[in-house]
């Protein structure tokens, strides 16, 4: 399996899918997953992009799935720095990168958009830091500290999905959650709870902001704030 060492204490699992014939744009889509997820979250959309001639790169964040928890809780900035280190190690120019982030991953992709000269960013239900978000994820920390990942696996697959989700979706999400260690999951919760609002006015690339009509974690109002700050 492909792993890459980005620091003395951190080794990332990643997947890099290359097209047989590259598109003229030479774009690389960098996919950043959300809390309790993994690089596999994007496995259904990557083949079509590769078929269109684009390169696709996804990785498991510190403490997620196949990337072992380093023992250090990373901030959103730390996770963004890991993504930058991965691009550098693979010799991928940020100017050819479209950063795609879901939920917590949207915070990472948004941070990259304000710090690098990216080709673009796609923010899917990106978390917008607030006191309410901090409180909610602090509660998750307590639940996992007391009972491990089972409460998350029992509640999130049905409680945090939309009305069109299927039992197969629920089973996939449950499997993703149970692939996490409690320590790694708690570290990511702390990153969200301690996150500061991103100054999207500093963004250096165009962005597509996607909202879920039934998103129970990130309401439309939060994504409207991102749009207003972005422009």
Protein backbone atom coordinates (compact mmCIF):
# COMPACT_ATOMS: atom_id res chain seq x y z
CA UNK A 1 0.00 0.00 0.00
CA UNK A 2 1.27 3.52 -0.76
CA UNK A 3 2.52 5.41 2.26
CA UNK A 4 4.68 8.51 2.28
CA UNK A 5 6.70 9.98 5.15
CA UNK A 6 6.12 13.71 5.46
CA UNK A 7 7.79 14.25 8.86
CA UNK A 8 9.72 12.19 11.43
CA UNK A 9 6.46 11.48 13.26
CA UNK A 10 3.96 11.29 10.41
CA UNK A 11 3.42 8.82 7.60
CA UNK A 12 0.37 9.29 5.36
CA UNK A 13 -1.57 6.70 3.43
CA UNK A 14 -2.52 8.04 0.01
CA UNK A 15 -3.89 6.99 -3.35
CA UNK A 16 -2.85 8.56 -6.64
CA UNK A 17 -4.81 7.67 -9.75
CA UNK A 18 -3.26 8.73 -13.05
CA UNK A 19 -5.04 8.82 -16.42
CA UNK A 20 -3.74 6.93 -19.41
CA UNK A 21 -3.90 10.12 -21.43
CA UNK A 22 -3.65 13.36 -19.46
CA UNK A 23 -5.99 16.26 -20.19
CA UNK A 24 -4.46 19.44 -21.56
CA UNK A 25 -5.28 21.18 -18.28
CA UNK A 26 -2.98 18.82 -16.38
CA UNK A 27 -5.18 19.17 -13.30
CA UNK A 28 -4.82 17.16 -10.11
CA UNK A 29 -7.89 16.87 -7.90
CA UNK A 30 -6.76 16.72 -4.27
CA UNK A 31 -9.50 15.12 -2.15
CA UNK A 32 -9.69 15.77 1.60
CA UNK A 33 -12.16 13.66 3.58
CA UNK A 34 -14.22 14.63 6.62
CA UNK A 35 -14.33 13.44 10.22
CA UNK A 36 -14.60 9.68 10.66
CA UNK A 37 -13.98 9.08 6.97
CA UNK A 38 -11.11 8.18 4.68
CA UNK A 39 -9.72 8.54 1.17
CA UNK A 40 -12.18 5.80 0.13
CA UNK A 41 -15.03 8.33 0.50
CA UNK A 42 -14.17 9.66 -2.96
CA UNK A 43 -13.73 6.31 -4.70
CA UNK A 44 -17.01 6.71 -6.59
CA UNK A 45 -16.15 10.06 -8.21
CA UNK A 46 -12.46 9.61 -8.98
CA UNK A 47 -12.83 7.14 -11.90
CA UNK A 48 -14.85 9.60 -14.00
CA UNK A 49 -12.27 12.34 -13.47
CA UNK A 50 -9.44 9.98 -14.37
CA UNK A 51 -11.35 8.90 -17.48
CA UNK A 52 -11.58 12.60 -18.42
CA UNK A 53 -7.79 12.87 -18.21
CA UNK A 54 -7.32 14.29 -14.74
CA UNK A 55 -5.09 13.02 -11.96
CA UNK A 56 -6.73 12.25 -8.60
CA UNK A 57 -4.99 12.28 -5.22
CA UNK A 58 -6.57 11.43 -1.86
CA UNK A 59 -5.08 10.72 1.54
CA UNK A 60 -6.09 9.63 5.04
CA UNK A 61 -5.54 12.41 7.56
CA UNK A 62 -3.58 11.92 10.77
CA UNK A 63 -5.48 9.39 12.88
CA UNK A 64 -7.91 8.42 10.10
CA UNK A 65 -8.30 4.91 8.72
CA UNK A 66 -4.93 3.69 7.36
CA UNK A 67 -2.91 6.69 8.55
CA UNK A 68 -1.87 5.88 12.09
CA UNK A 69 -2.46 8.47 14.80
CA UNK A 70 0.83 10.23 15.38
CA UNK A 71 0.09 10.80 19.07
CA UNK A 72 -0.20 14.52 18.43
CA UNK A 73 -3.54 16.24 17.88
CA UNK A 74 -3.27 18.23 14.67
CA UNK A 75 -5.01 21.53 14.08
CA UNK A 76 -6.75 22.36 10.81
CA UNK A 77 -3.58 24.24 9.83
CA UNK A 78 -1.51 21.14 10.59
CA UNK A 79 -3.72 19.02 8.33
CA UNK A 80 -3.38 21.65 5.59
CA UNK A 81 0.39 21.56 6.07
CA UNK A 82 0.29 17.76 5.68
CA UNK A 83 -1.53 18.18 2.37
CA UNK A 84 1.07 20.71 1.22
CA UNK A 85 3.87 18.34 2.21
CA UNK A 86 2.19 15.53 0.26
CA UNK A 87 1.94 17.68 -2.88
CA UNK A 88 5.59 18.68 -2.49
CA UNK A 89 6.73 15.09 -1.98
CA UNK A 90 4.87 13.99 -5.13
CA UNK A 91 6.17 17.01 -7.09
CA UNK A 92 2.68 18.33 -7.86
CA UNK A 93 2.43 22.06 -8.49
CA UNK A 94 -0.33 23.78 -6.44
CA UNK A 95 -1.18 25.86 -9.52
CA UNK A 96 -2.51 22.69 -11.14
CA UNK A 97 -4.47 21.53 -8.08
CA UNK A 98 -8.19 21.68 -7.39
CA UNK A 99 -8.64 21.07 -3.65
CA UNK A 100 -11.88 19.25 -2.83
CA UNK A 101 -12.93 19.03 0.82
CA UNK A 102 -16.01 17.62 2.52
CA UNK A 103 -17.17 18.83 5.97
CA UNK A 104 -14.00 19.00 8.10
CA UNK A 105 -12.06 18.47 4.89
CA UNK A 106 -13.70 21.65 3.63
CA UNK A 107 -11.87 23.55 6.35
CA UNK A 108 -8.60 22.07 5.13
CA UNK A 109 -9.38 22.78 1.46
CA UNK A 110 -10.49 26.31 2.39
CA UNK A 111 -7.23 26.89 4.24
CA UNK A 112 -5.27 25.71 1.21
CA UNK A 113 -7.28 28.10 -0.98
CA UNK A 114 -6.15 31.05 1.15
CA UNK A 115 -2.49 30.02 1.27
CA UNK A 116 -1.67 28.57 -2.15
CA UNK A 117 -2.13 29.64 -5.76
CA UNK A 118 -4.54 26.79 -6.53
CA UNK A 119 -6.40 26.22 -9.77
CA UNK A 120 -9.62 26.01 -7.75
CA UNK A 121 -11.39 24.73 -4.65
CA UNK A 122 -14.58 22.75 -4.08
CA UNK A 123 -16.07 23.10 -0.60
CA UNK A 124 -18.73 20.46 0.09
CA UNK A 125 -20.70 21.18 3.25
CA UNK A 126 -17.60 22.84 4.69
CA UNK A 127 -17.72 23.30 8.46
CA UNK A 128 -18.02 26.92 9.57
CA UNK A 129 -16.46 27.29 13.04
CA UNK A 130 -18.77 28.60 15.76
CA UNK A 131 -19.47 28.18 19.46
CA UNK A 132 -22.28 25.74 18.63
CA UNK A 133 -19.96 23.61 16.46
CA UNK A 134 -17.31 23.61 19.18
CA UNK A 135 -19.86 22.49 21.78
CA UNK A 136 -21.25 19.73 19.55
CA UNK A 137 -17.86 18.21 18.86
CA UNK A 138 -16.80 18.55 22.48
CA UNK A 139 -19.81 16.35 23.29
CA UNK A 140 -18.62 13.80 20.73
CA UNK A 141 -15.22 13.74 22.41
CA UNK A 142 -16.82 12.90 25.75
CA UNK A 143 -18.95 10.15 24.20
CA UNK A 144 -15.97 8.50 22.49
CA UNK A 145 -13.78 8.82 25.57
CA UNK A 146 -16.41 6.98 27.59
CA UNK A 147 -17.63 4.35 25.12
CA UNK A 148 -15.29 4.18 22.12
CA UNK A 149 -16.40 4.40 18.49
CA UNK A 150 -19.50 2.22 18.78
CA UNK A 151 -21.88 5.09 19.74
CA UNK A 152 -20.73 7.02 16.65
CA UNK A 153 -21.13 3.96 14.41
CA UNK A 154 -24.61 3.32 15.83
CA UNK A 155 -25.92 6.88 15.43
CA UNK A 156 -24.16 8.79 12.63
CA UNK A 157 -24.95 6.53 9.61
CA UNK A 158 -28.67 7.21 9.93
CA UNK A 159 -28.68 10.38 12.04
CA UNK A 160 -26.39 12.47 9.83
CA UNK A 161 -27.55 11.38 6.37
CA UNK A 162 -30.34 12.56 4.11
CA UNK A 163 -33.68 10.99 3.29
CA UNK A 164 -32.39 9.49 0.03
CA UNK A 165 -29.56 7.59 1.70
CA UNK A 166 -29.78 3.81 1.48
CA UNK A 167 -28.89 0.94 3.82
CA UNK A 168 -25.76 0.44 1.71
CA UNK A 169 -24.73 4.05 2.38
CA UNK A 170 -25.36 3.53 6.08
CA UNK A 171 -23.28 0.36 6.12
CA UNK A 172 -20.41 2.10 4.32
CA UNK A 173 -20.42 4.99 6.79
CA UNK A 174 -20.56 2.56 9.71
CA UNK A 175 -17.54 0.71 8.31
CA UNK A 176 -15.66 3.99 7.89
CA UNK A 177 -16.35 4.97 11.49
CA UNK A 178 -15.32 1.61 12.89
CA UNK A 179 -12.04 1.82 10.95
CA UNK A 180 -11.03 4.80 13.12
CA UNK A 181 -9.26 4.57 16.45
CA UNK A 182 -10.87 6.43 19.32
CA UNK A 183 -7.68 8.46 19.85
CA UNK A 184 -7.47 9.50 16.22
CA UNK A 185 -11.16 10.40 16.04
CA UNK A 186 -10.93 12.46 19.24
CA UNK A 187 -7.92 14.30 17.80
CA UNK A 188 -9.93 15.29 14.73
CA UNK A 189 -12.89 16.37 16.89
CA UNK A 190 -10.52 18.62 18.82
CA UNK A 191 -9.29 20.13 15.56
CA UNK A 192 -12.87 21.03 14.60
CA UNK A 193 -13.81 22.28 18.07
CA UNK A 194 -10.71 24.50 18.17
CA UNK A 195 -10.91 25.72 14.57
CA UNK A 196 -10.97 29.43 13.88
CA UNK A 197 -13.01 31.04 11.08
CA UNK A 198 -11.14 31.14 7.78
CA UNK A 199 -10.61 34.53 6.16
CA UNK A 200 -11.94 33.54 2.75
CA UNK A 201 -11.34 37.06 1.46
CA UNK A 202 -7.69 35.95 1.15
CA UNK A 203 -8.59 33.09 -1.20
CA UNK A 204 -6.44 33.04 -4.32
CA UNK A 205 -8.59 30.86 -6.56
CA UNK A 206 -12.21 30.44 -7.69
CA UNK A 207 -14.39 28.14 -5.61
CA UNK A 208 -17.48 26.00 -5.95
CA UNK A 209 -19.46 25.86 -2.70
CA UNK A 210 -21.87 22.93 -2.41
CA UNK A 211 -24.60 22.75 0.24
CA UNK A 212 -26.68 19.76 1.24
CA UNK A 213 -30.40 20.48 1.49
CA UNK A 214 -30.65 18.10 4.46
CA UNK A 215 -27.21 18.68 5.98
CA UNK A 216 -27.64 18.36 9.75
CA UNK A 217 -24.14 19.55 10.67
CA UNK A 218 -23.56 22.51 8.36
CA UNK A 219 -26.69 24.60 7.67
CA UNK A 220 -27.12 26.69 4.54
CA UNK A 221 -26.51 29.86 6.57
CA UNK A 222 -22.97 28.74 7.33
CA UNK A 223 -22.15 28.21 3.65
CA UNK A 224 -23.75 31.55 2.79
CA UNK A 225 -21.24 33.13 5.17
CA UNK A 226 -18.40 31.45 3.29
CA UNK A 227 -19.76 32.78 -0.01
CA UNK A 228 -20.12 36.29 1.37
CA UNK A 229 -16.58 36.27 2.76
CA UNK A 230 -15.17 34.71 -0.39
CA UNK A 231 -16.30 37.55 -2.60
